[in-house]
Every structure is written in structure tokens, then in C-alpha cells.
Amino acid sequence: MKVELITFTYFFSYWIFVWFIVYKLGWTKYNPYGWLVLGLVFDFFAFFLMLFYRNDFLNPFLFGLLQFFIKIIPIGVLWGSSIRWRDIYAGLGLLVIYLITMVVLGRLFSSRNPYMSF
């Protein structure tokens, strides 16, 4: 049984990765470390659901490889950095902007599910 397991965190992961790059370039003071860890937890469960529901090995392998580059390496780079409340609030603000963007794009492209707009 093939099941599409794309959640809102799938595309939000890319936004968090861009936030990591912006943070490492010194363009923002808000640390994405906590959000990277939270995303990795969600993706960990998604990975095992993919293994359980998919008949193939390629998609879970590619998903795991992608997570290695956009989550595990950035977490390793930021390892030991502190998480402040302002970082959490910045991530919540980014999440709100992301959700608004997905709803607008979903309506713009007449998609039934705005999280699947891309």
C-alpha cells in the first residue's frame, strides 16, 4: 500500500534550513537549533512510517539522505548552542508566515490542500 506522507513539516524543513544558512552567515541573531531538532523528531517518525507503508526502499533512503543534509549536519554545526525564548518566538513567527504563504499559494493554484501546493 502506497501512502503519500507529505506533511506541512516537509516543506517547512526547507525554510528552517534556509534560516540556518542565514543564521550562519550572521544575517540574523535568532538561532534555529531548537527548530531543527524538533523537525528531526517529526521526520524521524515520518521515516519509519515510510518504511512501514512503502513497498520500496528508494524513497525512504532518499528521504533519510535529504534529512542528513538539511537537519543532521546543521544540528551538528550548532551543537551546544543555547536555545532562547526569542529563538522559539522567531520560529513560531516563521511558522505563521509559512502557513499563510501555503494557504495563499494553495488558493492561488486552486489546490485542495494548501500544504501540497508545490
N, C-alpha and C. Protein backbone atom coordinates (compact mmCIF):
# COMPACT_ATOMS: atom_id res chain seq x y z
N MET A 1 0.85 -1.18 0.00
CA MET A 1 0.00 0.00 0.00
C MET A 1 0.89 1.24 0.00
N LYS A 2 0.72 2.07 -0.99
CA LYS A 2 1.49 3.31 -1.07
C LYS A 2 0.68 4.45 -0.49
N VAL A 3 1.31 5.19 0.40
CA VAL A 3 0.65 6.31 1.06
C VAL A 3 1.55 7.53 0.92
N GLU A 4 0.98 8.65 0.53
CA GLU A 4 1.75 9.89 0.48
C GLU A 4 1.87 10.45 1.89
N LEU A 5 3.09 10.61 2.36
CA LEU A 5 3.33 11.04 3.73
C LEU A 5 3.93 12.44 3.78
N ILE A 6 3.46 13.31 2.91
CA ILE A 6 3.97 14.68 2.92
C ILE A 6 3.13 15.50 3.89
N THR A 7 3.76 16.02 4.90
CA THR A 7 3.08 16.86 5.87
C THR A 7 3.56 18.29 5.71
N PHE A 8 2.99 19.19 6.48
CA PHE A 8 3.42 20.57 6.39
C PHE A 8 4.89 20.72 6.78
N THR A 9 5.40 19.81 7.59
CA THR A 9 6.80 19.91 8.00
C THR A 9 7.76 19.59 6.87
N TYR A 10 7.25 18.92 5.82
CA TYR A 10 8.11 18.56 4.70
C TYR A 10 8.69 19.82 4.04
N PHE A 11 7.85 20.77 3.70
CA PHE A 11 8.33 22.00 3.08
C PHE A 11 8.87 22.98 4.10
N PHE A 12 8.34 22.95 5.31
CA PHE A 12 8.83 23.84 6.36
C PHE A 12 10.28 23.52 6.70
N SER A 13 10.69 22.28 6.50
CA SER A 13 12.08 21.89 6.74
C SER A 13 13.04 22.70 5.88
N TYR A 14 12.64 22.97 4.65
CA TYR A 14 13.50 23.78 3.77
C TYR A 14 13.59 25.21 4.28
N TRP A 15 12.50 25.73 4.79
CA TRP A 15 12.52 27.08 5.35
C TRP A 15 13.46 27.14 6.55
N ILE A 16 13.42 26.13 7.40
CA ILE A 16 14.30 26.09 8.56
C ILE A 16 15.75 25.97 8.12
N PHE A 17 16.00 25.20 7.07
CA PHE A 17 17.36 25.07 6.55
C PHE A 17 17.87 26.41 6.03
N VAL A 18 17.02 27.15 5.33
CA VAL A 18 17.41 28.49 4.87
C VAL A 18 17.67 29.39 6.07
N TRP A 19 16.86 29.27 7.10
CA TRP A 19 17.07 30.04 8.33
C TRP A 19 18.44 29.70 8.92
N PHE A 20 18.82 28.42 8.92
CA PHE A 20 20.14 28.01 9.39
C PHE A 20 21.25 28.70 8.60
N ILE A 21 21.12 28.72 7.29
CA ILE A 21 22.14 29.36 6.44
C ILE A 21 22.22 30.86 6.75
N VAL A 22 21.06 31.49 6.87
CA VAL A 22 21.02 32.93 7.18
C VAL A 22 21.66 33.18 8.55
N TYR A 23 21.41 32.30 9.50
CA TYR A 23 22.00 32.44 10.84
C TYR A 23 23.52 32.28 10.79
N LYS A 24 24.00 31.28 10.05
CA LYS A 24 25.44 31.07 9.96
C LYS A 24 26.14 32.20 9.20
N LEU A 25 25.45 32.85 8.30
CA LEU A 25 26.03 33.99 7.60
C LEU A 25 26.04 35.25 8.47
N GLY A 26 25.38 35.18 9.62
CA GLY A 26 25.36 36.31 10.54
C GLY A 26 24.31 37.35 10.21
N TRP A 27 23.34 36.99 9.39
CA TRP A 27 22.31 37.95 8.99
C TRP A 27 21.15 38.01 9.97
N THR A 28 21.10 37.09 10.92
CA THR A 28 20.08 37.12 11.96
C THR A 28 20.70 36.61 13.26
N LYS A 29 20.12 37.05 14.37
CA LYS A 29 20.62 36.61 15.68
C LYS A 29 19.78 35.47 16.25
N TYR A 30 18.73 35.09 15.55
CA TYR A 30 17.83 34.05 16.03
C TYR A 30 18.35 32.67 15.61
N ASN A 31 18.55 31.81 16.59
CA ASN A 31 19.16 30.50 16.39
C ASN A 31 18.10 29.45 16.02
N PRO A 32 18.26 28.74 14.91
CA PRO A 32 17.26 27.73 14.51
C PRO A 32 17.49 26.35 15.12
N TYR A 33 18.43 26.22 16.03
CA TYR A 33 18.81 24.91 16.57
C TYR A 33 17.61 24.11 17.12
N GLY A 34 16.80 24.72 17.95
CA GLY A 34 15.65 24.02 18.53
C GLY A 34 14.65 23.57 17.49
N TRP A 35 14.46 24.38 16.47
CA TRP A 35 13.52 24.04 15.41
C TRP A 35 14.08 22.93 14.52
N LEU A 36 15.38 22.90 14.34
CA LEU A 36 15.99 21.80 13.59
C LEU A 36 15.80 20.48 14.33
N VAL A 37 15.99 20.50 15.65
CA VAL A 37 15.82 19.28 16.45
C VAL A 37 14.36 18.84 16.42
N LEU A 38 13.44 19.77 16.57
CA LEU A 38 12.01 19.45 16.52
C LEU A 38 11.65 18.86 15.16
N GLY A 39 12.15 19.46 14.10
CA GLY A 39 11.89 18.93 12.76
C GLY A 39 12.47 17.55 12.57
N LEU A 40 13.64 17.30 13.14
CA LEU A 40 14.25 15.97 13.04
C LEU A 40 13.40 14.92 13.75
N VAL A 41 12.81 15.29 14.88
CA VAL A 41 11.93 14.36 15.59
C VAL A 41 10.72 14.01 14.72
N PHE A 42 10.07 15.01 14.11
CA PHE A 42 8.94 14.76 13.22
C PHE A 42 9.38 13.89 12.04
N ASP A 43 10.51 14.20 11.47
CA ASP A 43 10.99 13.47 10.30
C ASP A 43 11.43 12.05 10.66
N PHE A 44 11.87 11.85 11.88
CA PHE A 44 12.21 10.51 12.36
C PHE A 44 10.98 9.61 12.30
N PHE A 45 9.86 10.11 12.80
CA PHE A 45 8.62 9.33 12.75
C PHE A 45 8.14 9.15 11.31
N ALA A 46 8.26 10.19 10.49
CA ALA A 46 7.86 10.09 9.08
C ALA A 46 8.71 9.05 8.36
N PHE A 47 9.99 8.98 8.69
CA PHE A 47 10.88 8.00 8.07
C PHE A 47 10.40 6.58 8.36
N PHE A 48 10.08 6.29 9.62
CA PHE A 48 9.62 4.95 9.96
C PHE A 48 8.25 4.64 9.39
N LEU A 49 7.39 5.65 9.27
CA LEU A 49 6.12 5.43 8.59
C LEU A 49 6.34 5.11 7.12
N MET A 50 7.32 5.78 6.50
CA MET A 50 7.64 5.47 5.11
C MET A 50 8.13 4.02 4.98
N LEU A 51 8.97 3.59 5.89
CA LEU A 51 9.46 2.22 5.84
C LEU A 51 8.32 1.21 6.01
N PHE A 52 7.37 1.55 6.86
CA PHE A 52 6.28 0.64 7.15
C PHE A 52 5.26 0.58 6.00
N TYR A 53 4.92 1.74 5.41
CA TYR A 53 3.86 1.80 4.42
C TYR A 53 4.32 1.68 2.97
N ARG A 54 5.56 1.89 2.68
CA ARG A 54 6.04 1.84 1.30
C ARG A 54 6.59 0.46 0.98
N ASN A 55 6.41 0.07 -0.27
CA ASN A 55 6.92 -1.22 -0.72
C ASN A 55 8.35 -1.13 -1.22
N ASP A 56 8.83 0.08 -1.43
CA ASP A 56 10.17 0.25 -1.98
C ASP A 56 11.13 0.74 -0.90
N PHE A 57 12.38 0.72 -1.24
CA PHE A 57 13.42 1.18 -0.32
C PHE A 57 13.98 2.53 -0.75
N LEU A 58 13.80 2.89 -2.02
CA LEU A 58 14.42 4.09 -2.56
C LEU A 58 13.91 5.37 -1.91
N ASN A 59 12.60 5.53 -1.79
CA ASN A 59 12.06 6.76 -1.22
C ASN A 59 12.48 6.99 0.24
N PRO A 60 12.37 5.99 1.12
CA PRO A 60 12.87 6.21 2.48
C PRO A 60 14.37 6.50 2.52
N PHE A 61 15.12 5.84 1.64
CA PHE A 61 16.56 6.09 1.59
C PHE A 61 16.85 7.53 1.18
N LEU A 62 16.18 8.01 0.13
CA LEU A 62 16.39 9.39 -0.32
C LEU A 62 15.92 10.39 0.73
N PHE A 63 14.81 10.08 1.39
CA PHE A 63 14.31 10.94 2.46
C PHE A 63 15.33 11.03 3.60
N GLY A 64 15.88 9.88 3.99
CA GLY A 64 16.90 9.87 5.04
C GLY A 64 18.15 10.61 4.65
N LEU A 65 18.56 10.47 3.40
CA LEU A 65 19.73 11.18 2.90
C LEU A 65 19.50 12.69 2.91
N LEU A 66 18.31 13.10 2.48
CA LEU A 66 17.96 14.52 2.50
C LEU A 66 17.98 15.06 3.92
N GLN A 67 17.42 14.30 4.86
CA GLN A 67 17.39 14.75 6.25
C GLN A 67 18.80 14.85 6.83
N PHE A 68 19.68 13.99 6.38
CA PHE A 68 21.07 14.07 6.83
C PHE A 68 21.67 15.43 6.47
N PHE A 69 21.40 15.90 5.26
CA PHE A 69 22.00 17.16 4.81
C PHE A 69 21.28 18.40 5.33
N ILE A 70 19.93 18.34 5.46
CA ILE A 70 19.24 19.57 5.87
C ILE A 70 18.90 19.61 7.36
N LYS A 71 19.13 18.51 8.09
CA LYS A 71 18.86 18.52 9.52
C LYS A 71 20.06 18.10 10.36
N ILE A 72 20.62 16.94 10.08
CA ILE A 72 21.65 16.39 10.96
C ILE A 72 22.94 17.19 10.89
N ILE A 73 23.39 17.55 9.69
CA ILE A 73 24.60 18.37 9.58
C ILE A 73 24.42 19.74 10.24
N PRO A 74 23.30 20.47 9.97
CA PRO A 74 23.12 21.74 10.68
C PRO A 74 23.04 21.58 12.20
N ILE A 75 22.40 20.50 12.68
CA ILE A 75 22.35 20.28 14.13
C ILE A 75 23.76 20.06 14.67
N GLY A 76 24.57 19.32 13.93
CA GLY A 76 25.95 19.11 14.34
C GLY A 76 26.75 20.40 14.38
N VAL A 77 26.51 21.28 13.42
CA VAL A 77 27.21 22.57 13.38
C VAL A 77 26.81 23.44 14.57
N LEU A 78 25.52 23.39 14.93
CA LEU A 78 25.01 24.23 16.02
C LEU A 78 25.04 23.53 17.38
N TRP A 79 25.58 22.33 17.43
CA TRP A 79 25.59 21.53 18.66
C TRP A 79 26.14 22.34 19.83
N GLY A 80 25.42 22.31 20.92
CA GLY A 80 25.85 23.00 22.13
C GLY A 80 25.41 24.45 22.22
N SER A 81 24.82 24.97 21.17
CA SER A 81 24.36 26.36 21.24
C SER A 81 23.09 26.42 22.08
N SER A 82 22.88 27.53 22.72
CA SER A 82 21.74 27.66 23.62
C SER A 82 20.48 28.04 22.84
N ILE A 83 19.36 27.60 23.38
CA ILE A 83 18.06 27.95 22.80
C ILE A 83 17.42 28.97 23.74
N ARG A 84 17.12 30.11 23.18
CA ARG A 84 16.49 31.18 23.98
C ARG A 84 15.03 31.31 23.58
N TRP A 85 14.27 31.98 24.42
CA TRP A 85 12.86 32.19 24.11
C TRP A 85 12.68 32.97 22.83
N ARG A 86 13.57 33.89 22.57
CA ARG A 86 13.45 34.70 21.34
C ARG A 86 13.61 33.82 20.10
N ASP A 87 14.42 32.75 20.20
CA ASP A 87 14.58 31.82 19.09
C ASP A 87 13.29 31.03 18.85
N ILE A 88 12.64 30.64 19.94
CA ILE A 88 11.37 29.93 19.83
C ILE A 88 10.31 30.83 19.21
N TYR A 89 10.24 32.08 19.68
CA TYR A 89 9.26 33.02 19.12
C TYR A 89 9.55 33.32 17.65
N ALA A 90 10.82 33.42 17.30
CA ALA A 90 11.18 33.65 15.90
C ALA A 90 10.73 32.48 15.04
N GLY A 91 10.90 31.26 15.54
CA GLY A 91 10.44 30.08 14.81
C GLY A 91 8.93 30.03 14.67
N LEU A 92 8.23 30.43 15.73
CA LEU A 92 6.77 30.49 15.65
C LEU A 92 6.32 31.53 14.63
N GLY A 93 7.02 32.66 14.60
CA GLY A 93 6.71 33.68 13.60
C GLY A 93 6.96 33.16 12.19
N LEU A 94 8.06 32.46 12.00
CA LEU A 94 8.36 31.87 10.70
C LEU A 94 7.30 30.84 10.32
N LEU A 95 6.85 30.05 11.29
CA LEU A 95 5.80 29.06 11.02
C LEU A 95 4.50 29.73 10.59
N VAL A 96 4.14 30.82 11.24
CA VAL A 96 2.92 31.55 10.87
C VAL A 96 3.06 32.10 9.45
N ILE A 97 4.20 32.69 9.14
CA ILE A 97 4.43 33.20 7.78
C ILE A 97 4.38 32.07 6.76
N TYR A 98 4.96 30.94 7.11
CA TYR A 98 4.94 29.77 6.22
C TYR A 98 3.51 29.30 5.97
N LEU A 99 2.71 29.16 7.04
CA LEU A 99 1.34 28.69 6.88
C LEU A 99 0.50 29.66 6.05
N ILE A 100 0.68 30.96 6.28
CA ILE A 100 -0.04 31.96 5.48
C ILE A 100 0.37 31.85 4.01
N THR A 101 1.66 31.68 3.77
CA THR A 101 2.15 31.53 2.40
C THR A 101 1.55 30.29 1.74
N MET A 102 1.49 29.18 2.46
CA MET A 102 0.93 27.96 1.88
C MET A 102 -0.55 28.09 1.58
N VAL A 103 -1.29 28.77 2.45
CA VAL A 103 -2.71 28.98 2.21
C VAL A 103 -2.91 29.86 0.98
N VAL A 104 -2.14 30.94 0.89
CA VAL A 104 -2.26 31.84 -0.27
C VAL A 104 -1.87 31.11 -1.55
N LEU A 105 -0.77 30.39 -1.53
CA LEU A 105 -0.36 29.64 -2.72
C LEU A 105 -1.37 28.54 -3.06
N GLY A 106 -1.92 27.91 -2.04
CA GLY A 106 -2.94 26.89 -2.27
C GLY A 106 -4.16 27.45 -2.96
N ARG A 107 -4.58 28.62 -2.55
CA ARG A 107 -5.72 29.27 -3.20
C ARG A 107 -5.35 29.78 -4.58
N LEU A 108 -4.14 30.27 -4.71
CA LEU A 108 -3.68 30.79 -5.99
C LEU A 108 -3.64 29.70 -7.05
N PHE A 109 -3.19 28.52 -6.65
CA PHE A 109 -3.09 27.40 -7.59
C PHE A 109 -4.29 26.47 -7.51
N SER A 110 -5.35 26.88 -6.78
CA SER A 110 -6.59 26.11 -6.66
C SER A 110 -6.36 24.69 -6.18
N SER A 111 -5.46 24.55 -5.26
CA SER A 111 -5.18 23.24 -4.68
C SER A 111 -6.15 22.97 -3.56
N ARG A 112 -6.57 21.72 -3.42
CA ARG A 112 -7.45 21.36 -2.30
C ARG A 112 -6.70 21.40 -0.98
N ASN A 113 -5.43 21.04 -1.01
CA ASN A 113 -4.62 21.01 0.20
C ASN A 113 -3.49 22.03 0.04
N PRO A 114 -3.54 23.15 0.76
CA PRO A 114 -2.52 24.18 0.55
C PRO A 114 -1.11 23.75 0.90
N TYR A 115 -0.96 22.68 1.69
CA TYR A 115 0.37 22.22 2.04
C TYR A 115 1.02 21.43 0.91
N MET A 116 0.21 21.05 -0.08
CA MET A 116 0.72 20.27 -1.21
C MET A 116 0.83 21.14 -2.45
N SER A 117 0.93 22.44 -2.29
CA SER A 117 0.90 23.37 -3.42
C SER A 117 2.06 23.21 -4.37
N PHE A 118 3.17 22.79 -3.87
CA PHE A 118 4.34 22.69 -4.71
C PHE A 118 4.34 21.36 -5.40
